[in-house]
């Protein structure tokens, strides 16, 4: 009797294990097919067969990530150009056949180098003098929101021109003296900045190359500590970006 119970238990275990393997194989197969179908769907959305022109359908909707480099310096003070990074994304909707509105979020690294800090002081005889320290490397990190109007002047060519409003918010601002101390400028400059962007772009398939210059108006320094270094400086930035346009609607 014990032998019969033992054999039955072994057969039941083998049968259950076999069923589990079949179920697991079927589940794995269904999961694999679902992943494959999902990949094809995503690929179909991201990779589109398109030949861009300067004429679109009203309410066409695009989304585009973008990355690039910028060349910046500080106007109003002696300094050298700084190479920085730009990254972001925008959503674009066409309100006419050749006119679109973009809303863009963007990170940018800006600033200038070779800047000297000037301190008003006196010499040993009490005469007023200006003491210079430096040079400093100024690093400004911004989160920007751009509201852009994009115009395609030629119906058969994918060239576009842009302008609008650029609003920046500083998230980090430091001035590093060569072989010296670091000055945290974040609480000594204005948090917000504003500029007018002027740009030109060209599209090839889904790729877009754009060059844009931001014309800034606001001075950076808001107190004496910042003015000792930045004086009446304001930002200046030229950026070149590569974007990948995906038509959503």
C-alpha atoms as a PDB file:
ATOM      1  CA  UNK A   1       0.000   0.000   0.000  1.00  0.00           C
ATOM      2  CA  UNK A   2       2.784   2.371   0.889  1.00  0.00           C
ATOM      3  CA  UNK A   3       4.494   1.612  -2.441  1.00  0.00           C
ATOM      4  CA  UNK A   4       1.270   2.421  -4.340  1.00  0.00           C
ATOM      5  CA  UNK A   5       0.865   5.741  -2.490  1.00  0.00           C
ATOM      6  CA  UNK A   6       4.520   6.616  -3.153  1.00  0.00           C
ATOM      7  CA  UNK A   7       4.236   5.806  -6.895  1.00  0.00           C
ATOM      8  CA  UNK A   8       0.995   7.838  -7.142  1.00  0.00           C
ATOM      9  CA  UNK A   9       2.637  10.796  -5.440  1.00  0.00           C
ATOM     10  CA  UNK A  10       5.595  10.628  -7.851  1.00  0.00           C
ATOM     11  CA  UNK A  11       3.289  10.431 -10.911  1.00  0.00           C
ATOM     12  CA  UNK A  12       1.147  13.327  -9.628  1.00  0.00           C
ATOM     13  CA  UNK A  13       4.234  15.450  -9.036  1.00  0.00           C
ATOM     14  CA  UNK A  14       5.571  14.705 -12.486  1.00  0.00           C
ATOM     15  CA  UNK A  15       2.214  15.517 -14.098  1.00  0.00           C
ATOM     16  CA  UNK A  16       1.883  18.815 -12.166  1.00  0.00           C
ATOM     17  CA  UNK A  17       5.450  19.806 -13.021  1.00  0.00           C
ATOM     18  CA  UNK A  18       4.851  19.052 -16.705  1.00  0.00           C
ATOM     19  CA  UNK A  19       1.675  21.145 -16.771  1.00  0.00           C
ATOM     20  CA  UNK A  20       3.541  24.015 -15.083  1.00  0.00           C
ATOM     21  CA  UNK A  21       6.264  23.871 -17.729  1.00  0.00           C
ATOM     22  CA  UNK A  22       3.673  23.970 -20.521  1.00  0.00           C
ATOM     23  CA  UNK A  23       1.900  26.906 -18.847  1.00  0.00           C
ATOM     24  CA  UNK A  24       5.211  28.719 -18.325  1.00  0.00           C
ATOM     25  CA  UNK A  25       6.189  28.162 -21.966  1.00  0.00           C
ATOM     26  CA  UNK A  26       2.824  29.443 -23.189  1.00  0.00           C
ATOM     27  CA  UNK A  27       3.012  32.483 -20.880  1.00  0.00           C
ATOM     28  CA  UNK A  28       6.567  33.229 -21.985  1.00  0.00           C
ATOM     29  CA  UNK A  29       5.503  32.957 -25.616  1.00  0.00           C
ATOM     30  CA  UNK A  30       2.570  35.354 -25.111  1.00  0.00           C
ATOM     31  CA  UNK A  31       4.801  37.814 -23.230  1.00  0.00           C
ATOM     32  CA  UNK A  32       7.388  37.645 -26.024  1.00  0.00           C
ATOM     33  CA  UNK A  33       4.737  38.302 -28.678  1.00  0.00           C
ATOM     34  CA  UNK A  34       3.325  41.231 -26.673  1.00  0.00           C
ATOM     35  CA  UNK A  35       6.799  42.743 -26.238  1.00  0.00           C
ATOM     36  CA  UNK A  36       7.503  42.329 -29.950  1.00  0.00           C
ATOM     37  CA  UNK A  37       4.194  43.954 -30.911  1.00  0.00           C
ATOM     38  CA  UNK A  38       4.779  46.786 -28.431  1.00  0.00           C
ATOM     39  CA  UNK A  39       8.264  47.371 -29.853  1.00  0.00           C
ATOM     40  CA  UNK A  40       6.882  47.534 -33.393  1.00  0.00           C
ATOM     41  CA  UNK A  41       4.175  49.987 -32.280  1.00  0.00           C
ATOM     42  CA  UNK A  42       6.714  52.232 -30.537  1.00  0.00           C
ATOM     43  CA  UNK A  43       9.069  52.023 -33.513  1.00  0.00           C
ATOM     44  CA  UNK A  44       6.199  52.981 -35.825  1.00  0.00           C
ATOM     45  CA  UNK A  45       5.515  56.094 -33.749  1.00  0.00           C
ATOM     46  CA  UNK A  46       9.157  57.178 -33.405  1.00  0.00           C
ATOM     47  CA  UNK A  47      10.468  56.293 -36.889  1.00  0.00           C
ATOM     48  CA  UNK A  48       8.270  57.970 -39.485  1.00  0.00           C
ATOM     49  CA  UNK A  49       8.552  58.073 -43.262  1.00  0.00           C
ATOM     50  CA  UNK A  50       8.437  61.808 -43.880  1.00  0.00           C
ATOM     51  CA  UNK A  51       9.702  64.349 -46.371  1.00  0.00           C
ATOM     52  CA  UNK A  52       9.537  67.736 -44.632  1.00  0.00           C
ATOM     53  CA  UNK A  53       8.415  70.797 -46.563  1.00  0.00           C
ATOM     54  CA  UNK A  54       7.532  74.334 -45.663  1.00  0.00           C
ATOM     55  CA  UNK A  55       3.789  73.682 -45.843  1.00  0.00           C
ATOM     56  CA  UNK A  56       1.795  71.789 -43.222  1.00  0.00           C
ATOM     57  CA  UNK A  57      -1.789  71.046 -42.267  1.00  0.00           C
ATOM     58  CA  UNK A  58      -3.372  73.293 -39.659  1.00  0.00           C
ATOM     59  CA  UNK A  59      -3.304  71.683 -36.172  1.00  0.00           C
ATOM     60  CA  UNK A  60      -0.460  69.332 -37.063  1.00  0.00           C
ATOM     61  CA  UNK A  61       1.203  68.513 -33.744  1.00  0.00           C
ATOM     62  CA  UNK A  62       4.883  67.653 -33.255  1.00  0.00           C
ATOM     63  CA  UNK A  63       7.070  66.759 -30.284  1.00  0.00           C
ATOM     64  CA  UNK A  64      10.865  66.906 -30.389  1.00  0.00           C
ATOM     65  CA  UNK A  65      13.723  66.241 -27.964  1.00  0.00           C
ATOM     66  CA  UNK A  66      16.880  68.231 -28.703  1.00  0.00           C
ATOM     67  CA  UNK A  67      20.491  68.485 -27.558  1.00  0.00           C
ATOM     68  CA  UNK A  68      23.366  70.739 -28.500  1.00  0.00           C
ATOM     69  CA  UNK A  69      26.105  73.147 -27.566  1.00  0.00           C
ATOM     70  CA  UNK A  70      26.174  76.862 -26.857  1.00  0.00           C
ATOM     71  CA  UNK A  71      28.796  79.566 -26.936  1.00  0.00           C
ATOM     72  CA  UNK A  72      28.191  82.195 -24.258  1.00  0.00           C
ATOM     73  CA  UNK A  73      29.820  85.194 -22.651  1.00  0.00           C
ATOM     74  CA  UNK A  74      28.842  88.165 -20.482  1.00  0.00           C
ATOM     75  CA  UNK A  75      28.240  91.504 -22.181  1.00  0.00           C
ATOM     76  CA  UNK A  76      29.371  94.573 -20.223  1.00  0.00           C
ATOM     77  CA  UNK A  77      32.502  93.049 -18.656  1.00  0.00           C
ATOM     78  CA  UNK A  78      35.836  91.844 -20.038  1.00  0.00           C
ATOM     79  CA  UNK A  79      35.664  88.055 -20.368  1.00  0.00           C
ATOM     80  CA  UNK A  80      36.229  85.105 -22.657  1.00  0.00           C
ATOM     81  CA  UNK A  81      33.673  82.855 -24.336  1.00  0.00           C
ATOM     82  CA  UNK A  82      32.508  79.682 -22.608  1.00  0.00           C
ATOM     83  CA  UNK A  83      31.390  76.446 -24.290  1.00  0.00           C
ATOM     84  CA  UNK A  84      28.358  74.857 -22.633  1.00  0.00           C
ATOM     85  CA  UNK A  85      25.642  72.259 -23.085  1.00  0.00           C
ATOM     86  CA  UNK A  86      21.985  72.652 -24.070  1.00  0.00           C
ATOM     87  CA  UNK A  87      19.263  69.994 -23.761  1.00  0.00           C
ATOM     88  CA  UNK A  88      15.486  70.050 -23.803  1.00  0.00           C
ATOM     89  CA  UNK A  89      12.299  69.289 -25.693  1.00  0.00           C
ATOM     90  CA  UNK A  90       9.446  71.168 -27.317  1.00  0.00           C
ATOM     91  CA  UNK A  91       5.881  70.708 -28.479  1.00  0.00           C
ATOM     92  CA  UNK A  92       4.817  72.424 -31.703  1.00  0.00           C
ATOM     93  CA  UNK A  93       1.370  73.042 -33.186  1.00  0.00           C
ATOM     94  CA  UNK A  94       0.653  74.599 -36.577  1.00  0.00           C
ATOM     95  CA  UNK A  95      -1.858  77.435 -36.518  1.00  0.00           C
ATOM     96  CA  UNK A  96      -1.490  78.079 -40.257  1.00  0.00           C
ATOM     97  CA  UNK A  97       0.013  76.203 -43.193  1.00  0.00           C
ATOM     98  CA  UNK A  98       3.407  77.825 -42.715  1.00  0.00           C
ATOM     99  CA  UNK A  99       3.220  79.109 -39.128  1.00  0.00           C
ATOM    100  CA  UNK A 100       3.642  77.173 -35.883  1.00  0.00           C
ATOM    101  CA  UNK A 101       3.770  77.894 -32.144  1.00  0.00           C
ATOM    102  CA  UNK A 102       6.348  76.093 -29.970  1.00  0.00           C
ATOM    103  CA  UNK A 103       6.526  75.705 -26.200  1.00  0.00           C
ATOM    104  CA  UNK A 104       9.975  74.534 -25.135  1.00  0.00           C
ATOM    105  CA  UNK A 105      11.624  73.488 -21.858  1.00  0.00           C
ATOM    106  CA  UNK A 106      15.397  73.600 -21.844  1.00  0.00           C
ATOM    107  CA  UNK A 107      18.519  73.363 -19.685  1.00  0.00           C
ATOM    108  CA  UNK A 108      21.524  75.532 -20.541  1.00  0.00           C
ATOM    109  CA  UNK A 109      25.010  76.011 -19.091  1.00  0.00           C
ATOM    110  CA  UNK A 110      26.244  79.578 -19.638  1.00  0.00           C
ATOM    111  CA  UNK A 111      28.715  82.121 -18.290  1.00  0.00           C
ATOM    112  CA  UNK A 112      32.146  83.496 -19.076  1.00  0.00           C
ATOM    113  CA  UNK A 113      35.792  83.114 -18.063  1.00  0.00           C
ATOM    114  CA  UNK A 114      38.789  85.359 -17.437  1.00  0.00           C
ATOM    115  CA  UNK A 115      36.808  87.836 -15.306  1.00  0.00           C
ATOM    116  CA  UNK A 116      38.487  89.968 -12.636  1.00  0.00           C
ATOM    117  CA  UNK A 117      36.796  91.035  -9.420  1.00  0.00           C
ATOM    118  CA  UNK A 118      37.303  94.720  -8.543  1.00  0.00           C
ATOM    119  CA  UNK A 119      37.256  95.858  -4.886  1.00  0.00           C
ATOM    120  CA  UNK A 120      37.355  99.541  -3.886  1.00  0.00           C
ATOM    121  CA  UNK A 121      39.836  99.956  -1.019  1.00  0.00           C
ATOM    122  CA  UNK A 122      42.679 102.244   0.162  1.00  0.00           C
ATOM    123  CA  UNK A 123      46.445 101.918   0.191  1.00  0.00           C
ATOM    124  CA  UNK A 124      48.743 102.318   3.205  1.00  0.00           C
ATOM    125  CA  UNK A 125      48.454 106.087   2.928  1.00  0.00           C
ATOM    126  CA  UNK A 126      44.660 106.186   2.787  1.00  0.00           C
ATOM    127  CA  UNK A 127      44.449 106.847  -0.926  1.00  0.00           C
ATOM    128  CA  UNK A 128      41.530 105.151  -2.741  1.00  0.00           C
ATOM    129  CA  UNK A 129      42.584 102.319  -5.035  1.00  0.00           C
ATOM    130  CA  UNK A 130      40.918  99.458  -6.900  1.00  0.00           C
ATOM    131  CA  UNK A 131      42.219  96.014  -5.995  1.00  0.00           C
ATOM    132  CA  UNK A 132      41.708  93.277  -8.592  1.00  0.00           C
ATOM    133  CA  UNK A 133      41.374  89.555  -7.896  1.00  0.00           C
ATOM    134  CA  UNK A 134      41.122  86.710 -10.337  1.00  0.00           C
ATOM    135  CA  UNK A 135      40.690  85.608 -12.987  1.00  0.00           C
ATOM    136  CA  UNK A 136      37.326  83.972 -12.278  1.00  0.00           C
ATOM    137  CA  UNK A 137      35.408  81.367 -14.229  1.00  0.00           C
ATOM    138  CA  UNK A 138      31.655  82.074 -13.979  1.00  0.00           C
ATOM    139  CA  UNK A 139      29.264  79.128 -14.393  1.00  0.00           C
ATOM    140  CA  UNK A 140      25.543  79.814 -14.685  1.00  0.00           C
ATOM    141  CA  UNK A 141      23.026  76.973 -14.960  1.00  0.00           C
ATOM    142  CA  UNK A 142      19.512  77.813 -16.174  1.00  0.00           C
ATOM    143  CA  UNK A 143      16.169  76.130 -16.721  1.00  0.00           C
ATOM    144  CA  UNK A 144      14.551  77.964 -19.628  1.00  0.00           C
ATOM    145  CA  UNK A 145      11.028  78.184 -20.989  1.00  0.00           C
ATOM    146  CA  UNK A 146      10.805  79.360 -24.590  1.00  0.00           C
ATOM    147  CA  UNK A 147       7.667  80.510 -26.375  1.00  0.00           C
ATOM    148  CA  UNK A 148       8.522  80.404 -30.056  1.00  0.00           C
ATOM    149  CA  UNK A 149       6.857  81.410 -33.317  1.00  0.00           C
ATOM    150  CA  UNK A 150       8.186  79.327 -36.225  1.00  0.00           C
ATOM    151  CA  UNK A 151       7.696  80.588 -39.793  1.00  0.00           C
ATOM    152  CA  UNK A 152       8.287  78.603 -42.995  1.00  0.00           C
ATOM    153  CA  UNK A 153       8.616  81.182 -45.799  1.00  0.00           C
ATOM    154  CA  UNK A 154       8.941  78.666 -48.673  1.00  0.00           C
ATOM    155  CA  UNK A 155       6.295  76.013 -49.306  1.00  0.00           C
ATOM    156  CA  UNK A 156       8.687  73.548 -50.985  1.00  0.00           C
ATOM    157  CA  UNK A 157      11.683  73.983 -48.632  1.00  0.00           C
ATOM    158  CA  UNK A 158      11.994  72.885 -44.964  1.00  0.00           C
ATOM    159  CA  UNK A 159      13.736  76.073 -43.822  1.00  0.00           C
ATOM    160  CA  UNK A 160      12.183  77.963 -40.916  1.00  0.00           C
ATOM    161  CA  UNK A 161      12.860  81.150 -38.968  1.00  0.00           C
ATOM    162  CA  UNK A 162      12.065  81.583 -35.283  1.00  0.00           C
ATOM    163  CA  UNK A 163      11.574  84.292 -32.709  1.00  0.00           C
ATOM    164  CA  UNK A 164       9.606  84.704 -29.509  1.00  0.00           C
ATOM    165  CA  UNK A 165      10.269  85.052 -25.784  1.00  0.00           C
ATOM    166  CA  UNK A 166      12.938  83.275 -23.740  1.00  0.00           C
ATOM    167  CA  UNK A 167      12.458  83.146 -19.946  1.00  0.00           C
ATOM    168  CA  UNK A 168      15.283  81.724 -17.824  1.00  0.00           C
ATOM    169  CA  UNK A 169      15.474  80.733 -14.152  1.00  0.00           C
ATOM    170  CA  UNK A 170      18.908  80.269 -12.557  1.00  0.00           C
ATOM    171  CA  UNK A 171      19.354  77.048 -10.573  1.00  0.00           C
ATOM    172  CA  UNK A 172      23.083  77.402  -9.866  1.00  0.00           C
ATOM    173  CA  UNK A 173      25.575  80.267 -10.153  1.00  0.00           C
ATOM    174  CA  UNK A 174      29.217  80.082  -9.100  1.00  0.00           C
ATOM    175  CA  UNK A 175      32.403  82.041  -9.744  1.00  0.00           C
ATOM    176  CA  UNK A 176      35.576  80.004  -9.311  1.00  0.00           C
ATOM    177  CA  UNK A 177      38.863  81.875  -8.926  1.00  0.00           C
ATOM    178  CA  UNK A 178      41.839  80.227 -10.600  1.00  0.00           C
ATOM    179  CA  UNK A 179      43.610  78.250  -7.873  1.00  0.00           C
ATOM    180  CA  UNK A 180      41.418  80.037  -5.352  1.00  0.00           C
ATOM    181  CA  UNK A 181      38.051  80.147  -3.650  1.00  0.00           C
ATOM    182  CA  UNK A 182      34.602  79.610  -5.053  1.00  0.00           C
ATOM    183  CA  UNK A 183      31.912  82.308  -4.742  1.00  0.00           C
ATOM    184  CA  UNK A 184      28.256  81.242  -4.689  1.00  0.00           C
ATOM    185  CA  UNK A 185      26.456  83.934  -6.698  1.00  0.00           C
ATOM    186  CA  UNK A 186      22.968  82.427  -6.724  1.00  0.00           C
ATOM    187  CA  UNK A 187      21.608  84.717  -3.982  1.00  0.00           C
ATOM    188  CA  UNK A 188      23.370  87.775  -5.412  1.00  0.00           C
ATOM    189  CA  UNK A 189      22.065  87.771  -8.990  1.00  0.00           C
ATOM    190  CA  UNK A 190      18.536  88.022 -10.310  1.00  0.00           C
ATOM    191  CA  UNK A 191      16.829  84.629 -10.409  1.00  0.00           C
ATOM    192  CA  UNK A 192      14.964  85.349 -13.636  1.00  0.00           C
ATOM    193  CA  UNK A 193      16.258  86.416 -17.020  1.00  0.00           C
ATOM    194  CA  UNK A 194      14.522  87.332 -20.257  1.00  0.00           C
ATOM    195  CA  UNK A 195      15.644  87.417 -23.876  1.00  0.00           C
ATOM    196  CA  UNK A 196      14.418  87.483 -27.456  1.00  0.00           C
ATOM    197  CA  UNK A 197      15.549  84.392 -29.403  1.00  0.00           C
ATOM    198  CA  UNK A 198      16.310  84.742 -33.112  1.00  0.00           C
ATOM    199  CA  UNK A 199      16.941  81.518 -35.005  1.00  0.00           C
ATOM    200  CA  UNK A 200      17.040  79.616 -38.263  1.00  0.00           C
ATOM    201  CA  UNK A 201      16.572  75.869 -38.779  1.00  0.00           C
ATOM    202  CA  UNK A 202      16.666  73.219 -41.470  1.00  0.00           C
ATOM    203  CA  UNK A 203      14.879  69.841 -41.464  1.00  0.00           C
ATOM    204  CA  UNK A 204      16.005  66.593 -43.074  1.00  0.00           C
ATOM    205  CA  UNK A 205      13.652  63.617 -42.659  1.00  0.00           C
ATOM    206  CA  UNK A 206      12.844  63.818 -38.932  1.00  0.00           C
ATOM    207  CA  UNK A 207      16.052  65.632 -37.975  1.00  0.00           C
ATOM    208  CA  UNK A 208      16.212  69.360 -37.357  1.00  0.00           C
ATOM    209  CA  UNK A 209      19.360  71.472 -37.059  1.00  0.00           C
ATOM    210  CA  UNK A 210      18.811  74.909 -35.522  1.00  0.00           C
ATOM    211  CA  UNK A 211      21.064  77.873 -34.765  1.00  0.00           C
ATOM    212  CA  UNK A 212      19.652  80.424 -32.339  1.00  0.00           C
ATOM    213  CA  UNK A 213      20.961  83.601 -30.728  1.00  0.00           C
ATOM    214  CA  UNK A 214      19.384  84.857 -27.503  1.00  0.00           C
ATOM    215  CA  UNK A 215      19.408  88.630 -27.068  1.00  0.00           C
ATOM    216  CA  UNK A 216      19.253  89.260 -23.303  1.00  0.00           C
ATOM    217  CA  UNK A 217      18.070  92.489 -21.679  1.00  0.00           C
ATOM    218  CA  UNK A 218      18.370  92.079 -17.906  1.00  0.00           C
ATOM    219  CA  UNK A 219      21.535  92.780 -15.915  1.00  0.00           C
ATOM    220  CA  UNK A 220      22.658  89.892 -13.728  1.00  0.00           C
ATOM    221  CA  UNK A 221      23.979  91.529 -10.547  1.00  0.00           C
ATOM    222  CA  UNK A 222      21.483  92.706  -7.933  1.00  0.00           C
ATOM    223  CA  UNK A 223      23.829  93.614  -5.038  1.00  0.00           C
ATOM    224  CA  UNK A 224      27.346  94.915  -4.398  1.00  0.00           C
ATOM    225  CA  UNK A 225      28.934  91.493  -3.988  1.00  0.00           C
ATOM    226  CA  UNK A 226      27.866  90.460  -7.481  1.00  0.00           C
ATOM    227  CA  UNK A 227      28.610  93.879  -9.001  1.00  0.00           C
ATOM    228  CA  UNK A 228      32.233  93.693  -7.787  1.00  0.00           C
ATOM    229  CA  UNK A 229      32.663  90.809 -10.225  1.00  0.00           C
ATOM    230  CA  UNK A 230      29.936  91.133 -12.847  1.00  0.00           C
ATOM    231  CA  UNK A 231      29.475  94.911 -12.905  1.00  0.00           C
ATOM    232  CA  UNK A 232      26.591  95.590 -15.338  1.00  0.00           C
ATOM    233  CA  UNK A 233      27.003  92.324 -17.231  1.00  0.00           C
ATOM    234  CA  UNK A 234      24.162  90.489 -18.941  1.00  0.00           C
ATOM    235  CA  UNK A 235      24.035  87.143 -20.687  1.00  0.00           C
ATOM    236  CA  UNK A 236      24.755  86.502 -24.346  1.00  0.00           C
ATOM    237  CA  UNK A 237      24.352  83.059 -25.916  1.00  0.00           C
ATOM    238  CA  UNK A 238      24.516  81.419 -29.347  1.00  0.00           C
ATOM    239  CA  UNK A 239      23.287  77.815 -29.436  1.00  0.00           C
ATOM    240  CA  UNK A 240      23.296  75.088 -32.081  1.00  0.00           C
ATOM    241  CA  UNK A 241      21.011  72.102 -31.477  1.00  0.00           C
ATOM    242  CA  UNK A 242      20.008  68.843 -33.128  1.00  0.00           C
ATOM    243  CA  UNK A 243      16.377  67.814 -32.669  1.00  0.00           C
ATOM    244  CA  UNK A 244      14.322  64.764 -33.638  1.00  0.00           C
ATOM    245  CA  UNK A 245      10.761  65.676 -34.684  1.00  0.00           C
ATOM    246  CA  UNK A 246       7.914  63.199 -34.110  1.00  0.00           C
ATOM    247  CA  UNK A 247       4.500  63.976 -35.556  1.00  0.00           C
ATOM    248  CA  UNK A 248       1.930  63.200 -32.877  1.00  0.00           C
ATOM    249  CA  UNK A 249      -1.224  64.308 -34.737  1.00  0.00           C
END
